[in-house]
Structures are given as structure tokens and as C-alpha cells.
């Protein structure tokens, strides 16, 4: 599957290059610049994830975030997700690694959904643009919805 996607991307790039060499080169330069801008964040996050997975054994992860941890694990994962600022393209591979290391579906669902929807770190910016009332309502609703998502995942998985 991965090789097929790379092949499709390469063929599309080749077609683009044939159609307009200068636009393709410009697009590649912009893509490289975007990659350079993301690289410091991405590498620091990957280092943190690597250290975390190296320090915590699968048994420890299972104890803290496994199915047996129940709602304690869900709340812990929700709190960690709420205060962590990780982009989605890193969060989902991290969630997969945590699942492989023994975390439960309900706990990972809570972690990922709060990570994507609740923003404790970004509260000052959100309050500045939307006001304190709207910010509190949105973040509270997002947190509650994340717990509902975790419950639903616990029932169906």
C-alpha cells in the first residue's frame, strides 16, 4: 500500500513537472520550506516520544493507560491530552505506539480527542480572540465530548 502511494505521488509529480516545470519547482521549494518550518517541532516531539517509550515499560503503560486502569486511565489520558500541544500527524502514530505498548482503546480515544479539541496551552490566545466565556464553553464542551468518545470506544472496542 505504501509503495503504491509513493508511486502515485511520483507519477503526479512527474506529470506536474512535464506540464509546468517552473510551477513544479516553485511548489517543491514551498514544500521544502514548510518541511523546514515543521522539522524542529517534529524532531523535538519525536525525541520526547522516544524517551517516553524507552523509559516506560509496556507494563507501566498498561498499568497507567491500559484497559484495566478504567476511568482513572481515561481521566489521566484526558488531562495529558488537554495540556499537550502535539500536531495530529504526530498524535496518531503516538497513539498507535501506545496501543502496541499496552494502552487501552478507551484511554487512547480520550487522549487523542482531548489532544485535538481541548487547548489548555492555547487558552490565552483563544481568550484574546474569542473571549473568556466562549473559550471556557468550547473547551468544557470539547472535554465532555472527549469523555463521551472514550466511553463509546470502550463499549464498541
N, C-alpha and C. Protein backbone atom coordinates (compact mmCIF):
# COMPACT_ATOMS: atom_id res chain seq x y z
N UNK A 1 0.83 -1.19 0.00
CA UNK A 1 0.00 0.00 0.00
C UNK A 1 0.88 1.26 0.00
N UNK A 2 1.89 1.28 0.86
CA UNK A 2 2.76 2.45 0.96
C UNK A 2 3.52 2.68 -0.34
N UNK A 3 4.02 1.61 -0.90
CA UNK A 3 4.76 1.73 -2.17
C UNK A 3 3.84 2.27 -3.26
N UNK A 4 2.60 1.82 -3.26
CA UNK A 4 1.63 2.31 -4.23
C UNK A 4 1.37 3.81 -4.09
N UNK A 5 1.27 4.28 -2.86
CA UNK A 5 1.06 5.72 -2.63
C UNK A 5 2.27 6.53 -3.08
N UNK A 6 3.47 6.03 -2.78
CA UNK A 6 4.68 6.71 -3.24
C UNK A 6 4.73 6.74 -4.77
N UNK A 7 4.34 5.65 -5.40
CA UNK A 7 4.34 5.58 -6.85
C UNK A 7 3.36 6.59 -7.44
N UNK A 8 2.17 6.67 -6.87
CA UNK A 8 1.16 7.65 -7.33
C UNK A 8 1.69 9.07 -7.17
N UNK A 9 2.30 9.36 -6.02
CA UNK A 9 2.85 10.69 -5.79
C UNK A 9 3.95 11.02 -6.79
N UNK A 10 4.83 10.05 -7.06
CA UNK A 10 5.91 10.27 -8.01
C UNK A 10 5.37 10.52 -9.42
N UNK A 11 4.38 9.73 -9.83
CA UNK A 11 3.78 9.91 -11.16
C UNK A 11 3.10 11.28 -11.26
N UNK A 12 2.39 11.69 -10.20
CA UNK A 12 1.74 13.00 -10.20
C UNK A 12 2.77 14.12 -10.27
N UNK A 13 3.89 13.95 -9.57
CA UNK A 13 4.96 14.93 -9.63
C UNK A 13 5.56 15.00 -11.03
N UNK A 14 5.75 13.85 -11.64
CA UNK A 14 6.29 13.79 -12.99
C UNK A 14 5.35 14.47 -13.98
N UNK A 15 4.06 14.22 -13.87
CA UNK A 15 3.07 14.86 -14.75
C UNK A 15 3.09 16.37 -14.54
N UNK A 16 3.15 16.79 -13.29
CA UNK A 16 3.21 18.22 -12.99
C UNK A 16 4.47 18.84 -13.58
N UNK A 17 5.59 18.15 -13.46
CA UNK A 17 6.86 18.64 -13.99
C UNK A 17 6.79 18.79 -15.51
N UNK A 18 6.18 17.83 -16.18
CA UNK A 18 6.04 17.88 -17.64
C UNK A 18 5.12 19.03 -18.05
N UNK A 19 4.04 19.22 -17.28
CA UNK A 19 3.06 20.26 -17.61
C UNK A 19 3.63 21.66 -17.38
N UNK A 20 4.30 21.86 -16.25
CA UNK A 20 4.85 23.18 -15.95
C UNK A 20 6.05 23.02 -15.02
N UNK A 21 7.21 23.07 -15.63
CA UNK A 21 8.44 22.86 -14.86
C UNK A 21 8.61 23.93 -13.78
N UNK A 22 8.41 25.20 -14.14
CA UNK A 22 8.63 26.28 -13.18
C UNK A 22 7.64 26.24 -12.01
N UNK A 23 6.37 25.92 -12.26
CA UNK A 23 5.40 25.81 -11.17
C UNK A 23 5.72 24.62 -10.25
N UNK A 24 6.18 23.54 -10.83
CA UNK A 24 6.53 22.36 -10.04
C UNK A 24 7.73 22.65 -9.14
N UNK A 25 8.74 23.30 -9.71
CA UNK A 25 9.92 23.66 -8.92
C UNK A 25 9.53 24.62 -7.81
N UNK A 26 8.68 25.59 -8.11
CA UNK A 26 8.21 26.53 -7.10
C UNK A 26 7.44 25.80 -5.98
N UNK A 27 6.59 24.87 -6.36
CA UNK A 27 5.83 24.09 -5.37
C UNK A 27 6.76 23.24 -4.51
N UNK A 28 7.77 22.64 -5.12
CA UNK A 28 8.74 21.85 -4.35
C UNK A 28 9.53 22.72 -3.38
N UNK A 29 9.88 23.94 -3.80
CA UNK A 29 10.59 24.86 -2.91
C UNK A 29 9.70 25.25 -1.72
N UNK A 30 8.42 25.52 -1.99
CA UNK A 30 7.49 25.86 -0.91
C UNK A 30 7.29 24.68 0.04
N UNK A 31 7.20 23.49 -0.52
CA UNK A 31 7.04 22.29 0.30
C UNK A 31 8.27 22.08 1.18
N UNK A 32 9.46 22.30 0.63
CA UNK A 32 10.69 22.15 1.40
C UNK A 32 10.74 23.18 2.53
N UNK A 33 10.32 24.40 2.24
CA UNK A 33 10.30 25.46 3.26
C UNK A 33 9.33 25.10 4.38
N UNK A 34 8.16 24.57 4.02
CA UNK A 34 7.19 24.14 5.03
C UNK A 34 7.77 23.01 5.88
N UNK A 35 8.46 22.08 5.23
CA UNK A 35 9.11 20.98 5.95
C UNK A 35 10.16 21.50 6.92
N UNK A 36 10.96 22.47 6.47
CA UNK A 36 11.97 23.07 7.35
C UNK A 36 11.34 23.75 8.56
N UNK A 37 10.18 24.36 8.36
CA UNK A 37 9.48 25.03 9.47
C UNK A 37 8.91 24.03 10.47
N UNK A 38 8.48 22.89 10.00
CA UNK A 38 7.88 21.86 10.86
C UNK A 38 8.94 21.01 11.54
N UNK A 39 10.09 20.87 10.92
CA UNK A 39 11.13 19.95 11.39
C UNK A 39 11.54 20.14 12.86
N UNK A 40 11.78 21.36 13.35
CA UNK A 40 12.16 21.48 14.76
C UNK A 40 11.09 20.95 15.72
N UNK A 41 9.83 21.28 15.46
CA UNK A 41 8.74 20.77 16.28
C UNK A 41 8.67 19.26 16.20
N UNK A 42 8.69 18.75 15.00
CA UNK A 42 8.56 17.32 14.78
C UNK A 42 9.68 16.55 15.45
N UNK A 43 10.92 17.00 15.28
CA UNK A 43 12.03 16.25 15.87
C UNK A 43 12.00 16.32 17.39
N UNK A 44 11.64 17.45 17.97
CA UNK A 44 11.57 17.52 19.43
C UNK A 44 10.47 16.62 19.97
N UNK A 45 9.35 16.58 19.29
CA UNK A 45 8.25 15.71 19.72
C UNK A 45 8.65 14.25 19.59
N UNK A 46 9.28 13.90 18.48
CA UNK A 46 9.71 12.51 18.29
C UNK A 46 10.75 12.10 19.33
N UNK A 47 11.62 13.01 19.71
CA UNK A 47 12.60 12.71 20.75
C UNK A 47 11.90 12.48 22.08
N UNK A 48 10.94 13.32 22.41
CA UNK A 48 10.19 13.16 23.67
C UNK A 48 9.44 11.83 23.67
N UNK A 49 8.79 11.51 22.56
CA UNK A 49 8.07 10.24 22.45
C UNK A 49 9.03 9.07 22.60
N UNK A 50 10.18 9.15 21.93
CA UNK A 50 11.17 8.08 22.02
C UNK A 50 11.67 7.88 23.44
N UNK A 51 11.96 8.98 24.13
CA UNK A 51 12.42 8.88 25.51
C UNK A 51 11.32 8.29 26.40
N UNK A 52 10.08 8.77 26.20
CA UNK A 52 8.97 8.27 26.99
C UNK A 52 8.77 6.76 26.79
N UNK A 53 8.80 6.32 25.54
CA UNK A 53 8.61 4.90 25.27
C UNK A 53 9.81 4.07 25.73
N UNK A 54 10.98 4.69 25.78
CA UNK A 54 12.16 3.97 26.27
C UNK A 54 12.15 3.85 27.79
N UNK A 55 11.66 4.88 28.48
CA UNK A 55 11.65 4.88 29.94
C UNK A 55 10.50 4.06 30.52
N UNK A 56 9.37 4.10 29.84
CA UNK A 56 8.20 3.38 30.35
C UNK A 56 8.13 2.00 29.71
N UNK A 57 8.01 0.99 30.52
CA UNK A 57 7.85 -0.36 30.00
C UNK A 57 6.41 -0.56 29.56
N UNK A 58 6.16 -1.53 28.70
CA UNK A 58 4.78 -1.82 28.32
C UNK A 58 3.88 -2.11 29.53
N UNK A 59 4.46 -2.71 30.57
CA UNK A 59 3.69 -3.00 31.78
C UNK A 59 3.26 -1.71 32.47
N UNK A 60 4.17 -0.73 32.53
CA UNK A 60 3.85 0.55 33.15
C UNK A 60 2.80 1.30 32.35
N UNK A 61 2.95 1.29 31.03
CA UNK A 61 1.95 1.94 30.18
C UNK A 61 0.61 1.26 30.35
N UNK A 62 0.61 -0.06 30.39
CA UNK A 62 -0.63 -0.81 30.58
C UNK A 62 -1.26 -0.50 31.93
N UNK A 63 -0.43 -0.35 32.95
CA UNK A 63 -0.96 -0.05 34.29
C UNK A 63 -1.59 1.35 34.32
N UNK A 64 -0.93 2.32 33.69
CA UNK A 64 -1.42 3.70 33.71
C UNK A 64 -2.54 3.95 32.71
N UNK A 65 -2.41 3.38 31.51
CA UNK A 65 -3.35 3.68 30.43
C UNK A 65 -4.00 2.45 29.83
N UNK A 66 -3.82 1.30 30.43
CA UNK A 66 -4.40 0.08 29.90
C UNK A 66 -5.88 -0.03 30.20
N UNK A 67 -6.50 -1.02 29.63
CA UNK A 67 -7.93 -1.24 29.84
C UNK A 67 -8.27 -1.41 31.31
N UNK A 68 -7.34 -2.00 32.07
CA UNK A 68 -7.58 -2.24 33.49
C UNK A 68 -7.58 -0.94 34.30
N UNK A 69 -6.99 0.12 33.77
CA UNK A 69 -6.92 1.39 34.52
C UNK A 69 -8.28 2.07 34.61
N UNK A 70 -9.21 1.65 33.76
CA UNK A 70 -10.58 2.17 33.81
C UNK A 70 -10.66 3.67 33.65
N UNK A 71 -11.57 4.28 34.43
CA UNK A 71 -11.80 5.72 34.30
C UNK A 71 -10.64 6.54 34.85
N UNK A 72 -9.83 5.96 35.75
CA UNK A 72 -8.62 6.67 36.19
C UNK A 72 -7.72 6.89 34.98
N UNK A 73 -7.51 5.86 34.19
CA UNK A 73 -6.68 5.97 32.99
C UNK A 73 -7.27 6.91 31.97
N UNK A 74 -8.59 6.89 31.84
CA UNK A 74 -9.26 7.80 30.90
C UNK A 74 -9.04 9.25 31.33
N UNK A 75 -9.21 9.53 32.63
CA UNK A 75 -9.02 10.89 33.12
C UNK A 75 -7.56 11.32 33.01
N UNK A 76 -6.63 10.40 33.30
CA UNK A 76 -5.21 10.72 33.16
C UNK A 76 -4.88 11.04 31.70
N UNK A 77 -5.35 10.20 30.79
CA UNK A 77 -5.11 10.42 29.36
C UNK A 77 -5.75 11.72 28.90
N UNK A 78 -6.94 12.03 29.42
CA UNK A 78 -7.63 13.27 29.05
C UNK A 78 -6.87 14.49 29.53
N UNK A 79 -6.36 14.43 30.74
CA UNK A 79 -5.59 15.56 31.27
C UNK A 79 -4.30 15.76 30.50
N UNK A 80 -3.60 14.66 30.20
CA UNK A 80 -2.37 14.76 29.42
C UNK A 80 -2.67 15.32 28.03
N UNK A 81 -3.72 14.82 27.41
CA UNK A 81 -4.11 15.31 26.09
C UNK A 81 -4.52 16.78 26.09
N UNK A 82 -5.15 17.21 27.18
CA UNK A 82 -5.61 18.60 27.27
C UNK A 82 -4.47 19.60 27.38
N UNK A 83 -3.40 19.21 28.04
CA UNK A 83 -2.30 20.15 28.25
C UNK A 83 -1.14 19.97 27.26
N UNK A 84 -1.24 18.98 26.40
CA UNK A 84 -0.17 18.72 25.45
C UNK A 84 -0.50 19.37 24.11
N UNK A 85 0.51 19.91 23.48
CA UNK A 85 0.34 20.54 22.18
C UNK A 85 1.15 19.74 21.16
N UNK A 86 0.49 18.76 20.54
CA UNK A 86 1.13 17.90 19.55
C UNK A 86 0.27 17.92 18.29
N UNK A 87 0.87 18.11 17.13
CA UNK A 87 0.09 18.08 15.89
C UNK A 87 -0.46 16.69 15.59
N UNK A 88 -1.55 16.65 14.85
CA UNK A 88 -2.22 15.39 14.53
C UNK A 88 -1.33 14.38 13.84
N UNK A 89 -0.45 14.84 12.96
CA UNK A 89 0.40 13.89 12.24
C UNK A 89 1.40 13.20 13.14
N UNK A 90 1.58 13.69 14.37
CA UNK A 90 2.42 13.01 15.35
C UNK A 90 1.55 12.25 16.35
N UNK A 91 0.37 12.81 16.65
CA UNK A 91 -0.50 12.22 17.67
C UNK A 91 -0.97 10.81 17.29
N UNK A 92 -1.34 10.61 16.05
CA UNK A 92 -1.87 9.31 15.66
C UNK A 92 -0.82 8.20 15.67
N UNK A 93 0.39 8.45 15.16
CA UNK A 93 1.44 7.41 15.32
C UNK A 93 1.77 7.17 16.80
N UNK A 94 1.76 8.22 17.62
CA UNK A 94 2.00 8.06 19.05
C UNK A 94 0.91 7.19 19.66
N UNK A 95 -0.34 7.43 19.28
CA UNK A 95 -1.44 6.62 19.79
C UNK A 95 -1.27 5.16 19.40
N UNK A 96 -0.85 4.92 18.17
CA UNK A 96 -0.62 3.54 17.71
C UNK A 96 0.50 2.88 18.51
N UNK A 97 1.57 3.64 18.79
CA UNK A 97 2.68 3.09 19.58
C UNK A 97 2.23 2.78 21.00
N UNK A 98 1.42 3.65 21.58
CA UNK A 98 0.90 3.41 22.93
C UNK A 98 -0.02 2.19 22.97
N UNK A 99 -0.84 2.04 21.94
CA UNK A 99 -1.71 0.85 21.86
C UNK A 99 -0.88 -0.42 21.79
N UNK A 100 0.18 -0.41 20.99
CA UNK A 100 1.05 -1.58 20.88
C UNK A 100 1.77 -1.88 22.19
N UNK A 101 1.97 -0.82 23.00
CA UNK A 101 2.67 -0.99 24.28
C UNK A 101 1.73 -1.34 25.43
N UNK A 102 0.44 -1.47 25.13
CA UNK A 102 -0.47 -1.93 26.16
C UNK A 102 -1.55 -0.97 26.60
N UNK A 103 -1.62 0.22 26.01
CA UNK A 103 -2.67 1.17 26.38
C UNK A 103 -4.02 0.67 25.87
N UNK A 104 -5.09 1.11 26.53
CA UNK A 104 -6.44 0.69 26.16
C UNK A 104 -7.06 1.62 25.13
N UNK A 105 -8.03 1.12 24.39
CA UNK A 105 -8.70 1.92 23.37
C UNK A 105 -9.43 3.11 23.97
N UNK A 106 -10.09 2.89 25.08
CA UNK A 106 -10.85 3.96 25.72
C UNK A 106 -9.90 5.08 26.15
N UNK A 107 -8.77 4.73 26.72
CA UNK A 107 -7.81 5.71 27.20
C UNK A 107 -7.17 6.47 26.04
N UNK A 108 -6.85 5.76 24.98
CA UNK A 108 -6.24 6.41 23.81
C UNK A 108 -7.25 7.31 23.11
N UNK A 109 -8.51 6.88 23.06
CA UNK A 109 -9.54 7.73 22.46
C UNK A 109 -9.67 9.03 23.25
N UNK A 110 -9.62 8.95 24.56
CA UNK A 110 -9.69 10.16 25.40
C UNK A 110 -8.47 11.04 25.15
N UNK A 111 -7.29 10.42 25.09
CA UNK A 111 -6.06 11.18 24.87
C UNK A 111 -6.09 11.92 23.54
N UNK A 112 -6.39 11.19 22.46
CA UNK A 112 -6.35 11.80 21.13
C UNK A 112 -7.45 12.86 20.97
N UNK A 113 -8.64 12.58 21.46
CA UNK A 113 -9.72 13.56 21.26
C UNK A 113 -9.48 14.82 22.08
N UNK A 114 -8.97 14.71 23.31
CA UNK A 114 -8.65 15.93 24.05
C UNK A 114 -7.46 16.65 23.44
N UNK A 115 -6.51 15.89 22.94
CA UNK A 115 -5.34 16.47 22.29
C UNK A 115 -5.75 17.34 21.11
N UNK A 116 -6.72 16.87 20.33
CA UNK A 116 -7.15 17.59 19.15
C UNK A 116 -8.14 18.72 19.46
N UNK A 117 -8.93 18.57 20.53
CA UNK A 117 -10.02 19.53 20.74
C UNK A 117 -9.87 20.47 21.93
N UNK A 118 -9.14 20.07 22.97
CA UNK A 118 -9.00 20.90 24.16
C UNK A 118 -7.64 21.57 24.12
N UNK A 119 -7.60 22.85 24.44
CA UNK A 119 -6.33 23.57 24.35
C UNK A 119 -6.00 24.37 25.60
N UNK A 120 -5.46 23.71 26.59
CA UNK A 120 -5.05 24.43 27.80
C UNK A 120 -3.88 25.36 27.49
N UNK A 121 -2.92 24.88 26.72
CA UNK A 121 -1.74 25.68 26.38
C UNK A 121 -2.12 26.90 25.55
N UNK A 122 -3.13 26.77 24.73
CA UNK A 122 -3.52 27.87 23.84
C UNK A 122 -4.63 28.74 24.42
N UNK A 123 -4.99 28.54 25.69
CA UNK A 123 -6.06 29.33 26.30
C UNK A 123 -5.86 30.84 26.18
N UNK A 124 -4.67 31.38 26.48
CA UNK A 124 -4.51 32.84 26.38
C UNK A 124 -4.82 33.40 24.99
N UNK A 125 -4.38 32.69 23.97
CA UNK A 125 -4.63 33.15 22.60
C UNK A 125 -6.11 33.07 22.28
N UNK A 126 -6.73 31.97 22.69
CA UNK A 126 -8.15 31.78 22.42
C UNK A 126 -8.99 32.82 23.17
N UNK A 127 -8.64 33.09 24.42
CA UNK A 127 -9.36 34.10 25.19
C UNK A 127 -9.23 35.47 24.53
N UNK A 128 -8.05 35.78 24.05
CA UNK A 128 -7.81 37.07 23.39
C UNK A 128 -8.70 37.25 22.16
N UNK A 129 -8.89 36.17 21.39
CA UNK A 129 -9.65 36.29 20.15
C UNK A 129 -11.15 36.05 20.31
N UNK A 130 -11.54 35.17 21.23
CA UNK A 130 -12.95 34.79 21.33
C UNK A 130 -13.60 35.21 22.64
N UNK A 131 -12.82 35.62 23.62
CA UNK A 131 -13.37 35.99 24.91
C UNK A 131 -13.34 34.81 25.87
N UNK A 132 -13.36 35.12 27.15
CA UNK A 132 -13.21 34.08 28.17
C UNK A 132 -14.42 33.14 28.22
N UNK A 133 -15.61 33.70 28.06
CA UNK A 133 -16.83 32.88 28.14
C UNK A 133 -16.87 31.84 27.02
N UNK A 134 -16.65 32.28 25.79
CA UNK A 134 -16.67 31.35 24.65
C UNK A 134 -15.56 30.31 24.78
N UNK A 135 -14.39 30.73 25.25
CA UNK A 135 -13.26 29.81 25.41
C UNK A 135 -13.57 28.73 26.43
N UNK A 136 -14.12 29.13 27.57
CA UNK A 136 -14.45 28.16 28.62
C UNK A 136 -15.55 27.21 28.15
N UNK A 137 -16.56 27.74 27.49
CA UNK A 137 -17.65 26.89 26.99
C UNK A 137 -17.12 25.90 25.96
N UNK A 138 -16.31 26.38 25.01
CA UNK A 138 -15.80 25.49 23.97
C UNK A 138 -14.90 24.41 24.54
N UNK A 139 -13.98 24.78 25.41
CA UNK A 139 -13.06 23.79 25.97
C UNK A 139 -13.78 22.82 26.90
N UNK A 140 -14.74 23.28 27.66
CA UNK A 140 -15.52 22.39 28.54
C UNK A 140 -16.34 21.40 27.72
N UNK A 141 -16.98 21.90 26.67
CA UNK A 141 -17.77 21.02 25.80
C UNK A 141 -16.86 20.01 25.10
N UNK A 142 -15.70 20.45 24.65
CA UNK A 142 -14.75 19.55 23.99
C UNK A 142 -14.28 18.47 24.96
N UNK A 143 -13.99 18.85 26.20
CA UNK A 143 -13.54 17.88 27.20
C UNK A 143 -14.64 16.85 27.47
N UNK A 144 -15.88 17.34 27.65
CA UNK A 144 -17.01 16.43 27.90
C UNK A 144 -17.22 15.50 26.71
N UNK A 145 -17.15 16.04 25.50
CA UNK A 145 -17.32 15.22 24.30
C UNK A 145 -16.23 14.17 24.22
N UNK A 146 -15.02 14.51 24.62
CA UNK A 146 -13.91 13.55 24.61
C UNK A 146 -14.18 12.38 25.55
N UNK A 147 -14.78 12.65 26.69
CA UNK A 147 -15.15 11.58 27.62
C UNK A 147 -16.24 10.70 27.03
N UNK A 148 -17.17 11.31 26.31
CA UNK A 148 -18.23 10.54 25.63
C UNK A 148 -17.60 9.65 24.55
N UNK A 149 -16.66 10.20 23.79
CA UNK A 149 -15.96 9.42 22.76
C UNK A 149 -15.24 8.24 23.40
N UNK A 150 -14.58 8.48 24.52
CA UNK A 150 -13.86 7.40 25.21
C UNK A 150 -14.84 6.31 25.67
N UNK A 151 -15.98 6.72 26.20
CA UNK A 151 -16.99 5.76 26.64
C UNK A 151 -17.49 4.91 25.46
N UNK A 152 -17.81 5.57 24.36
CA UNK A 152 -18.30 4.88 23.16
C UNK A 152 -17.24 3.90 22.65
N UNK A 153 -15.98 4.34 22.62
CA UNK A 153 -14.90 3.43 22.18
C UNK A 153 -14.77 2.25 23.14
N UNK A 154 -14.95 2.50 24.43
CA UNK A 154 -14.90 1.41 25.40
C UNK A 154 -16.00 0.40 25.19
N UNK A 155 -17.16 0.87 24.79
CA UNK A 155 -18.29 -0.03 24.56
C UNK A 155 -18.09 -0.85 23.28
N UNK A 156 -17.62 -0.20 22.21
CA UNK A 156 -17.54 -0.87 20.91
C UNK A 156 -16.21 -1.58 20.65
N UNK A 157 -15.16 -1.23 21.35
CA UNK A 157 -13.87 -1.88 21.08
C UNK A 157 -13.66 -2.87 22.17
